[in-house]
Amino acid sequence: MPQIETSKAASILTRITLFAGIWWIIVQGQSDAWFIGLPAVTLAAMASISLSSNTLPRLSAIGLFRFIVLFMTESIRGGIDVARRTLTPQPRVQPDFSRYRLTLDDPHARVLLINCISLLPGTLSTSIDGDYVELHLLDIRQDPVPQLQQIEQAISRLFRLRLENMNA
């Protein structure tokens, strides 16, 4: 019985650490944001545990480092690109919807991917239909597939998964 309790405590601590890290990235390390962040992290960890029927998957440390670098880079690049497209006197946008076939099968990996799609310049996930995610694109002339594949690859390395048929 103590082994089970230790495993559950480790799962809770892992989730709190993961959500706290994500919060810290979102608020760019601002300490005054923890007034809202602490309850949010606690509630997210509690919801994660109550909604999950199993423990978190084992993550790759190298995959995690690479994912964080990609996350930060794409967040900055995406923000700059959207600002550049929309804040000029003649906005360069041609919004539309597109579908993308997911190659990740793991539910944890899929959730992370769906939440990371908004990192990409002018891209937002709007719904999921089986193996497809519906995307809202700020500019349909910009092909999001290479960047989506890059994020899927990073997430697959993070979760120690193999991707078989990447989209063409």
N, C-alpha and C. Protein backbone atom coordinates (compact mmCIF):
# COMPACT_ATOMS: atom_id res chain seq x y z
N MET A 1 0.80 -1.20 0.00
CA MET A 1 0.00 0.00 0.00
C MET A 1 0.85 1.27 0.00
N PRO A 2 1.94 1.37 0.76
CA PRO A 2 2.76 2.59 0.72
C PRO A 2 3.31 2.86 -0.67
N GLN A 3 3.58 1.81 -1.45
CA GLN A 3 4.11 1.99 -2.80
C GLN A 3 3.10 2.73 -3.67
N ILE A 4 1.82 2.38 -3.54
CA ILE A 4 0.78 3.04 -4.31
C ILE A 4 0.68 4.51 -3.92
N GLU A 5 0.71 4.80 -2.64
CA GLU A 5 0.62 6.17 -2.17
C GLU A 5 1.81 7.00 -2.65
N THR A 6 3.02 6.40 -2.65
CA THR A 6 4.21 7.09 -3.13
C THR A 6 4.07 7.40 -4.62
N SER A 7 3.55 6.45 -5.38
CA SER A 7 3.35 6.64 -6.81
C SER A 7 2.35 7.76 -7.07
N LYS A 8 1.26 7.80 -6.30
CA LYS A 8 0.25 8.84 -6.46
C LYS A 8 0.82 10.20 -6.08
N ALA A 9 1.59 10.25 -5.01
CA ALA A 9 2.21 11.51 -4.60
C ALA A 9 3.19 12.00 -5.67
N ALA A 10 3.94 11.08 -6.25
CA ALA A 10 4.87 11.46 -7.31
C ALA A 10 4.12 11.99 -8.53
N SER A 11 2.98 11.38 -8.84
CA SER A 11 2.16 11.82 -9.96
C SER A 11 1.63 13.23 -9.71
N ILE A 12 1.15 13.47 -8.49
CA ILE A 12 0.64 14.80 -8.14
C ILE A 12 1.75 15.84 -8.22
N LEU A 13 2.91 15.53 -7.66
CA LEU A 13 4.04 16.45 -7.69
C LEU A 13 4.50 16.73 -9.12
N THR A 14 4.52 15.69 -9.94
CA THR A 14 4.91 15.86 -11.34
C THR A 14 3.95 16.79 -12.07
N ARG A 15 2.67 16.59 -11.86
CA ARG A 15 1.67 17.43 -12.52
C ARG A 15 1.75 18.88 -12.04
N ILE A 16 1.90 19.07 -10.76
CA ILE A 16 2.02 20.44 -10.22
C ILE A 16 3.27 21.12 -10.79
N THR A 17 4.36 20.39 -10.84
CA THR A 17 5.60 20.94 -11.40
C THR A 17 5.43 21.29 -12.87
N LEU A 18 4.80 20.39 -13.64
CA LEU A 18 4.57 20.63 -15.07
C LEU A 18 3.69 21.86 -15.27
N PHE A 19 2.57 21.93 -14.56
CA PHE A 19 1.67 23.06 -14.73
C PHE A 19 2.28 24.37 -14.23
N ALA A 20 3.07 24.30 -13.17
CA ALA A 20 3.75 25.50 -12.67
C ALA A 20 4.78 25.98 -13.70
N GLY A 21 5.48 25.05 -14.34
CA GLY A 21 6.44 25.42 -15.38
C GLY A 21 5.76 26.08 -16.56
N ILE A 22 4.63 25.52 -16.96
CA ILE A 22 3.87 26.11 -18.07
C ILE A 22 3.40 27.51 -17.69
N TRP A 23 2.89 27.66 -16.46
CA TRP A 23 2.43 28.98 -15.99
C TRP A 23 3.59 29.98 -15.99
N TRP A 24 4.73 29.54 -15.50
CA TRP A 24 5.90 30.42 -15.43
C TRP A 24 6.29 30.90 -16.83
N ILE A 25 6.21 30.01 -17.83
CA ILE A 25 6.52 30.39 -19.21
C ILE A 25 5.49 31.39 -19.72
N ILE A 26 4.22 31.11 -19.47
CA ILE A 26 3.15 31.98 -19.96
C ILE A 26 3.29 33.39 -19.41
N VAL A 27 3.59 33.51 -18.12
CA VAL A 27 3.67 34.84 -17.49
C VAL A 27 5.07 35.43 -17.56
N GLN A 28 5.96 34.75 -18.27
CA GLN A 28 7.32 35.22 -18.49
C GLN A 28 8.06 35.48 -17.18
N GLY A 29 7.83 34.61 -16.21
CA GLY A 29 8.56 34.68 -14.95
C GLY A 29 8.15 35.78 -14.00
N GLN A 30 7.06 36.45 -14.25
CA GLN A 30 6.63 37.55 -13.38
C GLN A 30 6.11 36.97 -12.06
N SER A 31 6.73 37.35 -10.97
CA SER A 31 6.37 36.79 -9.67
C SER A 31 4.99 37.24 -9.18
N ASP A 32 4.54 38.42 -9.57
CA ASP A 32 3.23 38.88 -9.12
C ASP A 32 2.08 38.11 -9.77
N ALA A 33 2.35 37.36 -10.82
CA ALA A 33 1.32 36.57 -11.50
C ALA A 33 0.96 35.31 -10.73
N TRP A 34 1.73 34.95 -9.72
CA TRP A 34 1.45 33.74 -8.95
C TRP A 34 0.21 33.89 -8.08
N PHE A 35 -0.26 35.12 -7.86
CA PHE A 35 -1.50 35.34 -7.12
C PHE A 35 -2.65 34.62 -7.83
N ILE A 36 -2.66 34.67 -9.15
CA ILE A 36 -3.64 33.95 -9.96
C ILE A 36 -3.11 32.56 -10.31
N GLY A 37 -1.82 32.46 -10.54
CA GLY A 37 -1.22 31.22 -11.01
C GLY A 37 -1.27 30.07 -10.02
N LEU A 38 -1.07 30.35 -8.75
CA LEU A 38 -1.07 29.28 -7.75
C LEU A 38 -2.41 28.56 -7.70
N PRO A 39 -3.53 29.29 -7.61
CA PRO A 39 -4.81 28.58 -7.65
C PRO A 39 -5.04 27.88 -9.00
N ALA A 40 -4.63 28.52 -10.09
CA ALA A 40 -4.82 27.92 -11.41
C ALA A 40 -4.02 26.63 -11.55
N VAL A 41 -2.78 26.63 -11.11
CA VAL A 41 -1.93 25.44 -11.16
C VAL A 41 -2.53 24.33 -10.29
N THR A 42 -2.97 24.69 -9.11
CA THR A 42 -3.56 23.71 -8.20
C THR A 42 -4.82 23.09 -8.80
N LEU A 43 -5.70 23.94 -9.35
CA LEU A 43 -6.92 23.43 -9.97
C LEU A 43 -6.62 22.59 -11.20
N ALA A 44 -5.65 23.00 -12.00
CA ALA A 44 -5.28 22.23 -13.19
C ALA A 44 -4.74 20.86 -12.80
N ALA A 45 -3.91 20.80 -11.76
CA ALA A 45 -3.37 19.52 -11.30
C ALA A 45 -4.49 18.63 -10.76
N MET A 46 -5.41 19.21 -9.99
CA MET A 46 -6.52 18.43 -9.45
C MET A 46 -7.42 17.91 -10.57
N ALA A 47 -7.71 18.77 -11.55
CA ALA A 47 -8.55 18.35 -12.68
C ALA A 47 -7.85 17.27 -13.49
N SER A 48 -6.56 17.43 -13.69
CA SER A 48 -5.79 16.45 -14.44
C SER A 48 -5.84 15.08 -13.77
N ILE A 49 -5.70 15.08 -12.47
CA ILE A 49 -5.72 13.81 -11.72
C ILE A 49 -7.12 13.20 -11.73
N SER A 50 -8.14 14.02 -11.53
CA SER A 50 -9.49 13.46 -11.47
C SER A 50 -9.99 13.01 -12.83
N LEU A 51 -9.52 13.63 -13.91
CA LEU A 51 -9.96 13.25 -15.25
C LEU A 51 -9.12 12.14 -15.86
N SER A 52 -7.98 11.89 -15.30
CA SER A 52 -7.07 10.89 -15.85
C SER A 52 -7.29 9.54 -15.17
N SER A 53 -7.33 8.51 -16.00
CA SER A 53 -7.49 7.17 -15.44
C SER A 53 -6.15 6.48 -15.25
N ASN A 54 -5.10 7.10 -15.70
CA ASN A 54 -3.77 6.52 -15.53
C ASN A 54 -2.75 7.60 -15.21
N THR A 55 -1.53 7.20 -14.99
CA THR A 55 -0.48 8.16 -14.65
C THR A 55 0.05 8.84 -15.90
N LEU A 56 0.79 9.89 -15.69
CA LEU A 56 1.41 10.58 -16.81
C LEU A 56 2.41 9.67 -17.51
N PRO A 57 2.53 9.81 -18.81
CA PRO A 57 3.52 8.99 -19.52
C PRO A 57 4.93 9.43 -19.17
N ARG A 58 5.87 8.51 -19.35
CA ARG A 58 7.27 8.87 -19.13
C ARG A 58 7.72 9.78 -20.26
N LEU A 59 8.33 10.88 -19.88
CA LEU A 59 8.78 11.86 -20.86
C LEU A 59 10.29 11.77 -21.03
N SER A 60 10.74 12.14 -22.20
CA SER A 60 12.16 12.19 -22.49
C SER A 60 12.71 13.54 -22.02
N ALA A 61 13.78 13.54 -21.23
CA ALA A 61 14.38 14.79 -20.75
C ALA A 61 14.91 15.62 -21.92
N ILE A 62 15.57 14.96 -22.86
CA ILE A 62 16.10 15.67 -24.03
C ILE A 62 14.94 16.17 -24.89
N GLY A 63 13.91 15.32 -25.05
CA GLY A 63 12.73 15.73 -25.80
C GLY A 63 12.04 16.92 -25.16
N LEU A 64 12.00 16.95 -23.82
CA LEU A 64 11.40 18.07 -23.10
C LEU A 64 12.18 19.35 -23.33
N PHE A 65 13.50 19.27 -23.24
CA PHE A 65 14.35 20.45 -23.49
C PHE A 65 14.13 20.97 -24.91
N ARG A 66 14.16 20.07 -25.89
CA ARG A 66 13.96 20.48 -27.28
C ARG A 66 12.57 21.07 -27.50
N PHE A 67 11.57 20.48 -26.84
CA PHE A 67 10.21 20.99 -26.98
C PHE A 67 10.09 22.40 -26.40
N ILE A 68 10.69 22.62 -25.24
CA ILE A 68 10.64 23.95 -24.61
C ILE A 68 11.30 24.99 -25.51
N VAL A 69 12.44 24.64 -26.09
CA VAL A 69 13.11 25.57 -27.01
C VAL A 69 12.22 25.87 -28.21
N LEU A 70 11.62 24.83 -28.79
CA LEU A 70 10.72 25.02 -29.93
C LEU A 70 9.51 25.86 -29.51
N PHE A 71 8.93 25.55 -28.35
CA PHE A 71 7.77 26.27 -27.84
C PHE A 71 8.08 27.76 -27.71
N MET A 72 9.20 28.09 -27.08
CA MET A 72 9.57 29.49 -26.89
C MET A 72 9.84 30.18 -28.23
N THR A 73 10.59 29.52 -29.09
CA THR A 73 10.92 30.10 -30.39
C THR A 73 9.67 30.37 -31.21
N GLU A 74 8.79 29.37 -31.31
CA GLU A 74 7.59 29.52 -32.11
C GLU A 74 6.62 30.52 -31.50
N SER A 75 6.56 30.61 -30.18
CA SER A 75 5.70 31.60 -29.52
C SER A 75 6.12 33.01 -29.91
N ILE A 76 7.40 33.27 -29.84
CA ILE A 76 7.91 34.60 -30.18
C ILE A 76 7.72 34.88 -31.66
N ARG A 77 8.11 33.91 -32.49
CA ARG A 77 7.99 34.07 -33.94
C ARG A 77 6.54 34.26 -34.35
N GLY A 78 5.63 33.49 -33.75
CA GLY A 78 4.21 33.60 -34.06
C GLY A 78 3.65 34.96 -33.68
N GLY A 79 4.02 35.44 -32.49
CA GLY A 79 3.55 36.75 -32.05
C GLY A 79 4.02 37.88 -32.96
N ILE A 80 5.28 37.82 -33.35
CA ILE A 80 5.84 38.84 -34.24
C ILE A 80 5.15 38.80 -35.60
N ASP A 81 4.95 37.58 -36.13
CA ASP A 81 4.33 37.44 -37.44
C ASP A 81 2.89 37.97 -37.45
N VAL A 82 2.11 37.62 -36.44
CA VAL A 82 0.72 38.08 -36.39
C VAL A 82 0.68 39.61 -36.24
N ALA A 83 1.55 40.16 -35.40
CA ALA A 83 1.59 41.61 -35.25
C ALA A 83 1.97 42.29 -36.57
N ARG A 84 2.96 41.73 -37.25
CA ARG A 84 3.41 42.29 -38.53
C ARG A 84 2.29 42.25 -39.57
N ARG A 85 1.53 41.17 -39.60
CA ARG A 85 0.46 41.01 -40.58
C ARG A 85 -0.75 41.91 -40.30
N THR A 86 -1.04 42.14 -39.03
CA THR A 86 -2.29 42.82 -38.69
C THR A 86 -2.15 44.28 -38.31
N LEU A 87 -0.97 44.72 -37.92
CA LEU A 87 -0.80 46.10 -37.46
C LEU A 87 -0.27 47.05 -38.51
N THR A 88 -0.19 46.62 -39.74
CA THR A 88 0.25 47.49 -40.83
C THR A 88 -0.97 48.22 -41.41
N PRO A 89 -0.74 49.33 -42.13
CA PRO A 89 -1.87 50.04 -42.73
C PRO A 89 -2.71 49.15 -43.67
N GLN A 90 -2.06 48.23 -44.36
CA GLN A 90 -2.75 47.29 -45.24
C GLN A 90 -2.54 45.88 -44.69
N PRO A 91 -3.40 45.42 -43.79
CA PRO A 91 -3.21 44.08 -43.20
C PRO A 91 -3.10 43.00 -44.27
N ARG A 92 -2.15 42.09 -44.06
CA ARG A 92 -1.92 41.00 -45.02
C ARG A 92 -2.54 39.73 -44.44
N VAL A 93 -3.83 39.64 -44.57
CA VAL A 93 -4.54 38.47 -44.08
C VAL A 93 -5.54 37.99 -45.13
N GLN A 94 -5.75 36.71 -45.14
CA GLN A 94 -6.77 36.07 -45.97
C GLN A 94 -7.27 34.87 -45.16
N PRO A 95 -8.12 35.13 -44.16
CA PRO A 95 -8.52 34.07 -43.24
C PRO A 95 -9.35 32.98 -43.92
N ASP A 96 -9.20 31.78 -43.41
CA ASP A 96 -9.96 30.64 -43.92
C ASP A 96 -9.74 29.46 -42.98
N PHE A 97 -10.43 28.38 -43.27
CA PHE A 97 -10.30 27.16 -42.48
C PHE A 97 -9.59 26.09 -43.29
N SER A 98 -8.94 25.19 -42.58
CA SER A 98 -8.22 24.07 -43.20
C SER A 98 -8.28 22.89 -42.23
N ARG A 99 -8.06 21.68 -42.75
CA ARG A 99 -8.03 20.48 -41.91
C ARG A 99 -6.63 19.89 -41.96
N TYR A 100 -6.22 19.31 -40.84
CA TYR A 100 -4.92 18.67 -40.74
C TYR A 100 -5.10 17.30 -40.11
N ARG A 101 -4.51 16.29 -40.73
CA ARG A 101 -4.60 14.93 -40.21
C ARG A 101 -3.52 14.72 -39.15
N LEU A 102 -3.95 14.35 -37.95
CA LEU A 102 -3.02 14.09 -36.85
C LEU A 102 -2.36 12.73 -37.04
N THR A 103 -1.07 12.66 -36.77
CA THR A 103 -0.37 11.37 -36.83
C THR A 103 -0.06 10.85 -35.43
N LEU A 104 -0.25 11.66 -34.42
CA LEU A 104 -0.05 11.22 -33.05
C LEU A 104 -1.29 10.45 -32.59
N ASP A 105 -1.09 9.26 -32.01
CA ASP A 105 -2.20 8.46 -31.51
C ASP A 105 -2.40 8.62 -30.02
N ASP A 106 -1.33 8.91 -29.28
CA ASP A 106 -1.40 9.00 -27.83
C ASP A 106 -2.28 10.18 -27.42
N PRO A 107 -3.28 9.96 -26.55
CA PRO A 107 -4.17 11.06 -26.16
C PRO A 107 -3.47 12.23 -25.46
N HIS A 108 -2.47 11.94 -24.61
CA HIS A 108 -1.73 13.03 -23.95
C HIS A 108 -0.99 13.88 -24.99
N ALA A 109 -0.36 13.21 -25.94
CA ALA A 109 0.39 13.91 -26.98
C ALA A 109 -0.54 14.74 -27.85
N ARG A 110 -1.71 14.19 -28.16
CA ARG A 110 -2.68 14.93 -28.98
C ARG A 110 -3.16 16.19 -28.27
N VAL A 111 -3.45 16.08 -27.00
CA VAL A 111 -3.91 17.25 -26.25
C VAL A 111 -2.84 18.35 -26.27
N LEU A 112 -1.59 17.95 -26.05
CA LEU A 112 -0.51 18.94 -26.09
C LEU A 112 -0.40 19.57 -27.47
N LEU A 113 -0.49 18.76 -28.52
CA LEU A 113 -0.41 19.28 -29.88
C LEU A 113 -1.53 20.28 -30.16
N ILE A 114 -2.75 19.90 -29.83
CA ILE A 114 -3.90 20.77 -30.08
C ILE A 114 -3.72 22.11 -29.36
N ASN A 115 -3.19 22.05 -28.15
CA ASN A 115 -2.98 23.29 -27.39
C ASN A 115 -1.80 24.10 -27.92
N CYS A 116 -0.88 23.47 -28.61
CA CYS A 116 0.29 24.18 -29.14
C CYS A 116 0.07 24.75 -30.53
N ILE A 117 -1.00 24.38 -31.19
CA ILE A 117 -1.23 24.85 -32.55
C ILE A 117 -1.29 26.37 -32.61
N SER A 118 -1.79 26.99 -31.57
CA SER A 118 -1.88 28.45 -31.57
C SER A 118 -0.52 29.13 -31.50
N LEU A 119 0.53 28.36 -31.27
CA LEU A 119 1.90 28.92 -31.32
C LEU A 119 2.25 29.39 -32.72
N LEU A 120 1.74 28.67 -33.69
CA LEU A 120 2.13 28.93 -35.07
C LEU A 120 1.54 30.26 -35.54
N PRO A 121 2.27 30.95 -36.39
CA PRO A 121 1.79 32.24 -36.86
C PRO A 121 0.41 32.14 -37.51
N GLY A 122 -0.57 32.81 -36.93
CA GLY A 122 -1.90 32.90 -37.51
C GLY A 122 -2.68 31.60 -37.56
N THR A 123 -2.41 30.66 -36.66
CA THR A 123 -3.08 29.37 -36.68
C THR A 123 -3.74 29.10 -35.34
N LEU A 124 -4.96 28.58 -35.40
CA LEU A 124 -5.71 28.27 -34.19
C LEU A 124 -6.53 27.01 -34.44
N SER A 125 -6.50 26.07 -33.50
CA SER A 125 -7.34 24.88 -33.65
C SER A 125 -8.75 25.21 -33.19
N THR A 126 -9.74 24.79 -33.97
CA THR A 126 -11.13 25.12 -33.64
C THR A 126 -11.93 23.90 -33.23
N SER A 127 -11.60 22.72 -33.76
CA SER A 127 -12.33 21.51 -33.38
C SER A 127 -11.53 20.28 -33.79
N ILE A 128 -11.92 19.16 -33.20
CA ILE A 128 -11.28 17.88 -33.53
C ILE A 128 -12.37 16.94 -34.02
N ASP A 129 -12.07 16.24 -35.10
CA ASP A 129 -13.00 15.26 -35.66
C ASP A 129 -12.20 14.00 -35.97
N GLY A 130 -12.19 13.07 -35.03
CA GLY A 130 -11.42 11.84 -35.22
C GLY A 130 -9.93 12.13 -35.29
N ASP A 131 -9.32 11.81 -36.42
CA ASP A 131 -7.89 12.03 -36.62
C ASP A 131 -7.59 13.39 -37.25
N TYR A 132 -8.59 14.23 -37.38
CA TYR A 132 -8.40 15.53 -38.03
C TYR A 132 -8.67 16.67 -37.04
N VAL A 133 -7.90 17.72 -37.21
CA VAL A 133 -8.13 18.94 -36.45
C VAL A 133 -8.48 20.03 -37.46
N GLU A 134 -9.52 20.79 -37.11
CA GLU A 134 -9.95 21.91 -37.94
C GLU A 134 -9.14 23.12 -37.50
N LEU A 135 -8.55 23.81 -38.46
CA LEU A 135 -7.69 24.95 -38.18
C LEU A 135 -8.32 26.23 -38.72
N HIS A 136 -8.20 27.30 -37.97
CA HIS A 136 -8.52 28.62 -38.50
C HIS A 136 -7.18 29.27 -38.80
N LEU A 137 -7.01 29.69 -40.05
CA LEU A 137 -5.76 30.30 -40.49
C LEU A 137 -5.98 31.79 -40.73
N LEU A 138 -5.06 32.59 -40.26
CA LEU A 138 -5.11 34.02 -40.49
C LEU A 138 -4.86 34.34 -41.96
N ASP A 139 -4.02 33.52 -42.60
CA ASP A 139 -3.71 33.70 -44.01
C ASP A 139 -3.58 32.34 -44.67
N ILE A 140 -4.57 31.98 -45.47
CA ILE A 140 -4.62 30.67 -46.12
C ILE A 140 -3.46 30.48 -47.11
N ARG A 141 -2.84 31.57 -47.52
CA ARG A 141 -1.71 31.47 -48.46
C ARG A 141 -0.46 30.94 -47.78
N GLN A 142 -0.44 30.92 -46.47
CA GLN A 142 0.70 30.40 -45.70
C GLN A 142 0.40 28.96 -45.31
N ASP A 143 1.21 28.01 -45.77
CA ASP A 143 1.00 26.58 -45.52
C ASP A 143 1.49 26.22 -44.12
N PRO A 144 0.59 25.81 -43.21
CA PRO A 144 1.00 25.48 -41.84
C PRO A 144 1.53 24.05 -41.68
N VAL A 145 1.39 23.21 -42.70
CA VAL A 145 1.73 21.78 -42.58
C VAL A 145 3.18 21.55 -42.14
N PRO A 146 4.19 22.18 -42.74
CA PRO A 146 5.56 21.91 -42.28
C PRO A 146 5.76 22.22 -40.79
N GLN A 147 5.19 23.31 -40.33
CA GLN A 147 5.34 23.67 -38.91
C GLN A 147 4.55 22.71 -38.01
N LEU A 148 3.37 22.30 -38.44
CA LEU A 148 2.59 21.33 -37.68
C LEU A 148 3.34 20.01 -37.56
N GLN A 149 3.96 19.59 -38.64
CA GLN A 149 4.75 18.36 -38.62
C GLN A 149 5.95 18.50 -37.68
N GLN A 150 6.56 19.68 -37.67
CA GLN A 150 7.70 19.92 -36.77
C GLN A 150 7.26 19.82 -35.31
N ILE A 151 6.11 20.39 -34.99
CA ILE A 151 5.61 20.31 -33.62
C ILE A 151 5.23 18.87 -33.27
N GLU A 152 4.60 18.16 -34.21
CA GLU A 152 4.25 16.75 -33.96
C GLU A 152 5.51 15.92 -33.70
N GLN A 153 6.56 16.17 -34.48
CA GLN A 153 7.82 15.45 -34.27
C GLN A 153 8.39 15.75 -32.89
N ALA A 154 8.37 17.01 -32.49
CA ALA A 154 8.91 17.39 -31.17
C ALA A 154 8.10 16.73 -30.05
N ILE A 155 6.79 16.70 -30.21
CA ILE A 155 5.94 16.07 -29.19
C ILE A 155 6.14 14.57 -29.18
N SER A 156 6.33 13.97 -30.34
CA SER A 156 6.57 12.52 -30.38
C SER A 156 7.88 12.18 -29.66
N ARG A 157 8.90 13.02 -29.82
CA ARG A 157 10.17 12.78 -29.10
C ARG A 157 9.99 13.00 -27.60
N LEU A 158 9.20 14.01 -27.23
CA LEU A 158 8.93 14.28 -25.83
C LEU A 158 8.26 13.08 -25.15
N PHE A 159 7.28 12.48 -25.83
CA PHE A 159 6.53 11.35 -25.27
C PHE A 159 7.13 9.99 -25.64
N ARG A 160 8.28 10.01 -26.30
CA ARG A 160 8.95 8.78 -26.72
C ARG A 160 8.07 7.92 -27.63
N LEU A 161 7.45 8.58 -28.60
CA LEU A 161 6.55 7.91 -29.54
C LEU A 161 7.18 7.88 -30.92
N ARG A 162 6.72 6.96 -31.74
CA ARG A 162 7.14 6.90 -33.14
C ARG A 162 6.01 7.40 -34.01
N LEU A 163 6.34 8.25 -34.95
CA LEU A 163 5.35 8.71 -35.94
C LEU A 163 5.55 7.90 -37.20
N GLU A 164 4.47 7.33 -37.69
CA GLU A 164 4.59 6.52 -38.89
C GLU A 164 4.43 7.37 -40.14
N ASN A 165 3.23 7.67 -40.51
CA ASN A 165 2.98 8.35 -41.79
C ASN A 165 2.75 9.83 -41.59
N MET A 166 3.81 10.59 -41.76
CA MET A 166 3.66 12.04 -41.66
C MET A 166 2.89 12.53 -42.88
N ASN A 167 2.13 13.61 -42.70
CA ASN A 167 1.35 14.18 -43.79
C ASN A 167 2.29 14.65 -44.90
N ALA A 168 1.81 14.54 -46.09
CA ALA A 168 2.61 14.99 -47.24
C ALA A 168 2.25 16.40 -47.62
